[in-house]
Amino acid sequence: MLLVGCMFFRCSFLKNLNLSNFNTQNVKEMWSMFKECSSLNNLNLSNFDTKNVFNMHHMFEGCISLRKNNVINNDNKIMKLLK
């Protein structure tokens, strides 16, 4: 089982992040992955595959600068978590 939970947790100075080449095909948990990244406002998750992910709790909690239109992604699971 692959876990990426808390990977960028509290990276409060992170503003832009491109994870378009990040392979998430076998990831099972993404809980709190970007939690409290308060300055994050551009995020490219264009190739994120969440079909095997069962835990995405608090993934974007505290991402006060991040909005749906600033995220590149077509995955409904992820888009439902965004404001």
N, C-alpha and C. Protein backbone atom coordinates (compact mmCIF):
# COMPACT_ATOMS: atom_id res chain seq x y z
N MET A 1 0.84 -1.18 0.00
CA MET A 1 0.00 0.00 0.00
C MET A 1 0.89 1.24 0.00
N LEU A 2 0.60 2.15 -0.88
CA LEU A 2 1.34 3.40 -0.95
C LEU A 2 0.57 4.51 -0.23
N LEU A 3 1.29 5.28 0.55
CA LEU A 3 0.69 6.38 1.30
C LEU A 3 1.40 7.67 0.93
N VAL A 4 0.64 8.71 0.69
CA VAL A 4 1.21 10.03 0.48
C VAL A 4 0.59 11.03 1.45
N GLY A 5 -0.04 10.52 2.49
CA GLY A 5 -0.67 11.36 3.49
C GLY A 5 0.34 12.31 4.12
N CYS A 6 -0.07 13.53 4.34
CA CYS A 6 0.74 14.58 4.99
C CYS A 6 2.00 14.95 4.21
N MET A 7 2.08 14.61 2.95
CA MET A 7 3.28 14.86 2.16
C MET A 7 3.69 16.34 2.15
N PHE A 8 2.73 17.23 1.95
CA PHE A 8 3.03 18.67 1.91
C PHE A 8 2.40 19.40 3.10
N PHE A 9 2.06 18.69 4.13
CA PHE A 9 1.41 19.22 5.33
C PHE A 9 2.20 20.39 5.90
N ARG A 10 1.51 21.49 6.11
CA ARG A 10 2.06 22.73 6.68
C ARG A 10 3.17 23.37 5.85
N CYS A 11 3.16 23.15 4.56
CA CYS A 11 4.09 23.88 3.66
C CYS A 11 3.44 25.23 3.38
N SER A 12 3.39 26.06 4.38
CA SER A 12 2.62 27.30 4.31
C SER A 12 3.18 28.34 3.33
N PHE A 13 4.42 28.20 2.90
CA PHE A 13 4.99 29.15 1.96
C PHE A 13 4.91 28.66 0.52
N LEU A 14 4.44 27.45 0.32
CA LEU A 14 4.29 26.87 -1.01
C LEU A 14 3.15 27.56 -1.76
N LYS A 15 3.44 28.14 -2.93
CA LYS A 15 2.43 28.87 -3.68
C LYS A 15 1.98 28.13 -4.94
N ASN A 16 2.92 27.53 -5.64
CA ASN A 16 2.62 26.83 -6.90
C ASN A 16 3.23 25.44 -6.84
N LEU A 17 2.49 24.48 -7.34
CA LEU A 17 2.98 23.11 -7.31
C LEU A 17 2.51 22.38 -8.56
N ASN A 18 3.45 21.79 -9.27
CA ASN A 18 3.14 21.02 -10.47
C ASN A 18 3.46 19.56 -10.20
N LEU A 19 2.44 18.77 -10.02
CA LEU A 19 2.59 17.34 -9.78
C LEU A 19 2.03 16.54 -10.96
N SER A 20 2.10 17.14 -12.15
CA SER A 20 1.53 16.50 -13.34
C SER A 20 2.21 15.18 -13.70
N ASN A 21 3.44 15.00 -13.27
CA ASN A 21 4.15 13.75 -13.55
C ASN A 21 4.21 12.82 -12.34
N PHE A 22 3.44 13.12 -11.34
CA PHE A 22 3.39 12.34 -10.11
C PHE A 22 2.50 11.12 -10.33
N ASN A 23 3.06 9.92 -10.21
CA ASN A 23 2.30 8.70 -10.45
C ASN A 23 1.56 8.27 -9.19
N THR A 24 0.25 8.35 -9.23
CA THR A 24 -0.58 8.00 -8.07
C THR A 24 -1.42 6.75 -8.34
N GLN A 25 -1.09 6.03 -9.34
CA GLN A 25 -1.86 4.86 -9.76
C GLN A 25 -2.08 3.83 -8.65
N ASN A 26 -1.08 3.62 -7.80
CA ASN A 26 -1.17 2.61 -6.75
C ASN A 26 -1.32 3.18 -5.35
N VAL A 27 -1.60 4.47 -5.25
CA VAL A 27 -1.74 5.12 -3.95
C VAL A 27 -3.10 4.77 -3.35
N LYS A 28 -3.09 4.47 -2.05
CA LYS A 28 -4.32 4.11 -1.33
C LYS A 28 -4.79 5.23 -0.41
N GLU A 29 -3.87 6.03 0.11
CA GLU A 29 -4.24 7.08 1.05
C GLU A 29 -3.56 8.41 0.71
N MET A 30 -4.38 9.48 0.71
CA MET A 30 -3.88 10.83 0.44
C MET A 30 -4.34 11.79 1.54
N TRP A 31 -4.64 11.28 2.71
CA TRP A 31 -5.17 12.12 3.78
C TRP A 31 -4.19 13.25 4.13
N SER A 32 -4.74 14.42 4.32
CA SER A 32 -3.99 15.61 4.73
C SER A 32 -2.80 15.94 3.83
N MET A 33 -2.84 15.52 2.59
CA MET A 33 -1.71 15.69 1.68
C MET A 33 -1.27 17.16 1.54
N PHE A 34 -2.22 18.07 1.42
CA PHE A 34 -1.93 19.49 1.27
C PHE A 34 -2.46 20.31 2.45
N LYS A 35 -2.79 19.67 3.53
CA LYS A 35 -3.40 20.33 4.68
C LYS A 35 -2.53 21.49 5.17
N GLU A 36 -3.18 22.63 5.39
CA GLU A 36 -2.56 23.85 5.91
C GLU A 36 -1.49 24.44 4.99
N CYS A 37 -1.61 24.19 3.70
CA CYS A 37 -0.77 24.88 2.71
C CYS A 37 -1.50 26.18 2.38
N SER A 38 -1.48 27.09 3.30
CA SER A 38 -2.32 28.29 3.25
C SER A 38 -2.01 29.23 2.10
N SER A 39 -0.81 29.20 1.55
CA SER A 39 -0.45 30.09 0.43
C SER A 39 -0.61 29.43 -0.93
N LEU A 40 -0.87 28.14 -0.95
CA LEU A 40 -0.99 27.41 -2.21
C LEU A 40 -2.17 27.93 -3.01
N ASN A 41 -1.89 28.44 -4.23
CA ASN A 41 -2.99 28.95 -5.04
C ASN A 41 -3.01 28.39 -6.46
N ASN A 42 -1.98 27.68 -6.88
CA ASN A 42 -1.97 27.01 -8.19
C ASN A 42 -1.45 25.60 -8.01
N LEU A 43 -2.24 24.64 -8.49
CA LEU A 43 -1.91 23.24 -8.28
C LEU A 43 -2.24 22.45 -9.53
N ASN A 44 -1.23 21.80 -10.08
CA ASN A 44 -1.43 20.97 -11.28
C ASN A 44 -1.40 19.50 -10.87
N LEU A 45 -2.56 18.90 -10.87
CA LEU A 45 -2.72 17.48 -10.56
C LEU A 45 -3.29 16.77 -11.78
N SER A 46 -2.89 17.21 -12.96
CA SER A 46 -3.53 16.76 -14.20
C SER A 46 -3.49 15.26 -14.43
N ASN A 47 -2.51 14.56 -13.90
CA ASN A 47 -2.45 13.11 -14.11
C ASN A 47 -2.71 12.31 -12.85
N PHE A 48 -3.27 12.95 -11.84
CA PHE A 48 -3.58 12.21 -10.61
C PHE A 48 -4.65 11.16 -10.91
N ASP A 49 -4.38 9.94 -10.49
CA ASP A 49 -5.30 8.82 -10.65
C ASP A 49 -5.71 8.40 -9.25
N THR A 50 -6.97 8.63 -8.89
CA THR A 50 -7.41 8.32 -7.53
C THR A 50 -8.37 7.13 -7.47
N LYS A 51 -8.39 6.33 -8.50
CA LYS A 51 -9.34 5.21 -8.50
C LYS A 51 -9.08 4.21 -7.38
N ASN A 52 -7.86 4.10 -6.88
CA ASN A 52 -7.53 3.17 -5.79
C ASN A 52 -7.45 3.85 -4.43
N VAL A 53 -7.63 5.16 -4.39
CA VAL A 53 -7.54 5.91 -3.14
C VAL A 53 -8.85 5.77 -2.36
N PHE A 54 -8.72 5.40 -1.08
CA PHE A 54 -9.92 5.28 -0.25
C PHE A 54 -9.94 6.29 0.89
N ASN A 55 -8.85 6.99 1.13
CA ASN A 55 -8.84 7.98 2.20
C ASN A 55 -8.23 9.29 1.70
N MET A 56 -9.10 10.30 1.53
CA MET A 56 -8.67 11.63 1.11
C MET A 56 -9.12 12.68 2.12
N HIS A 57 -9.36 12.23 3.36
CA HIS A 57 -9.84 13.13 4.40
C HIS A 57 -8.86 14.28 4.62
N HIS A 58 -9.39 15.46 4.77
CA HIS A 58 -8.63 16.67 5.10
C HIS A 58 -7.55 17.01 4.07
N MET A 59 -7.68 16.51 2.87
CA MET A 59 -6.66 16.68 1.84
C MET A 59 -6.33 18.16 1.58
N PHE A 60 -7.35 19.01 1.55
CA PHE A 60 -7.14 20.43 1.26
C PHE A 60 -7.55 21.33 2.43
N GLU A 61 -7.68 20.78 3.61
CA GLU A 61 -8.09 21.57 4.77
C GLU A 61 -7.06 22.64 5.07
N GLY A 62 -7.51 23.87 5.21
CA GLY A 62 -6.61 24.98 5.51
C GLY A 62 -5.94 25.58 4.29
N CYS A 63 -6.32 25.12 3.10
CA CYS A 63 -5.78 25.69 1.86
C CYS A 63 -6.65 26.89 1.48
N ILE A 64 -6.50 27.95 2.24
CA ILE A 64 -7.41 29.09 2.11
C ILE A 64 -7.23 29.88 0.82
N SER A 65 -6.12 29.73 0.13
CA SER A 65 -5.88 30.46 -1.12
C SER A 65 -6.23 29.64 -2.36
N LEU A 66 -6.50 28.36 -2.17
CA LEU A 66 -6.74 27.45 -3.29
C LEU A 66 -8.21 27.41 -3.66
N ARG A 67 -8.51 27.59 -4.94
CA ARG A 67 -9.87 27.51 -5.45
C ARG A 67 -9.93 26.52 -6.61
N LYS A 68 -11.10 26.02 -6.87
CA LYS A 68 -11.30 25.02 -7.94
C LYS A 68 -10.70 25.46 -9.27
N ASN A 69 -10.91 26.71 -9.62
CA ASN A 69 -10.43 27.19 -10.93
C ASN A 69 -8.91 27.35 -10.99
N ASN A 70 -8.21 27.14 -9.87
CA ASN A 70 -6.75 27.20 -9.87
C ASN A 70 -6.12 25.81 -9.80
N VAL A 71 -6.96 24.79 -9.96
CA VAL A 71 -6.47 23.41 -9.91
C VAL A 71 -6.71 22.76 -11.27
N ILE A 72 -5.64 22.21 -11.83
CA ILE A 72 -5.76 21.50 -13.10
C ILE A 72 -5.94 20.02 -12.76
N ASN A 73 -7.15 19.52 -13.01
CA ASN A 73 -7.46 18.14 -12.72
C ASN A 73 -8.84 17.79 -13.26
N ASN A 74 -9.02 16.56 -13.67
CA ASN A 74 -10.31 16.11 -14.17
C ASN A 74 -10.91 15.01 -13.31
N ASP A 75 -10.34 14.77 -12.15
CA ASP A 75 -10.79 13.70 -11.28
C ASP A 75 -11.91 14.21 -10.38
N ASN A 76 -13.08 13.64 -10.48
CA ASN A 76 -14.24 14.09 -9.69
C ASN A 76 -14.02 13.96 -8.20
N LYS A 77 -13.29 12.95 -7.76
CA LYS A 77 -13.03 12.79 -6.32
C LYS A 77 -12.28 13.99 -5.76
N ILE A 78 -11.30 14.46 -6.50
CA ILE A 78 -10.50 15.60 -6.06
C ILE A 78 -11.32 16.89 -6.17
N MET A 79 -12.00 17.08 -7.26
CA MET A 79 -12.74 18.32 -7.48
C MET A 79 -13.85 18.50 -6.44
N LYS A 80 -14.42 17.43 -5.95
CA LYS A 80 -15.46 17.53 -4.92
C LYS A 80 -14.90 18.03 -3.59
N LEU A 81 -13.62 17.85 -3.37
CA LEU A 81 -12.99 18.28 -2.12
C LEU A 81 -12.64 19.76 -2.10
N LEU A 82 -12.64 20.38 -3.27
CA LEU A 82 -12.23 21.79 -3.38
C LEU A 82 -13.42 22.73 -3.26
N LYS A 83 -13.14 23.96 -2.87
CA LYS A 83 -14.18 25.00 -2.75
C LYS A 83 -14.68 25.40 -4.11
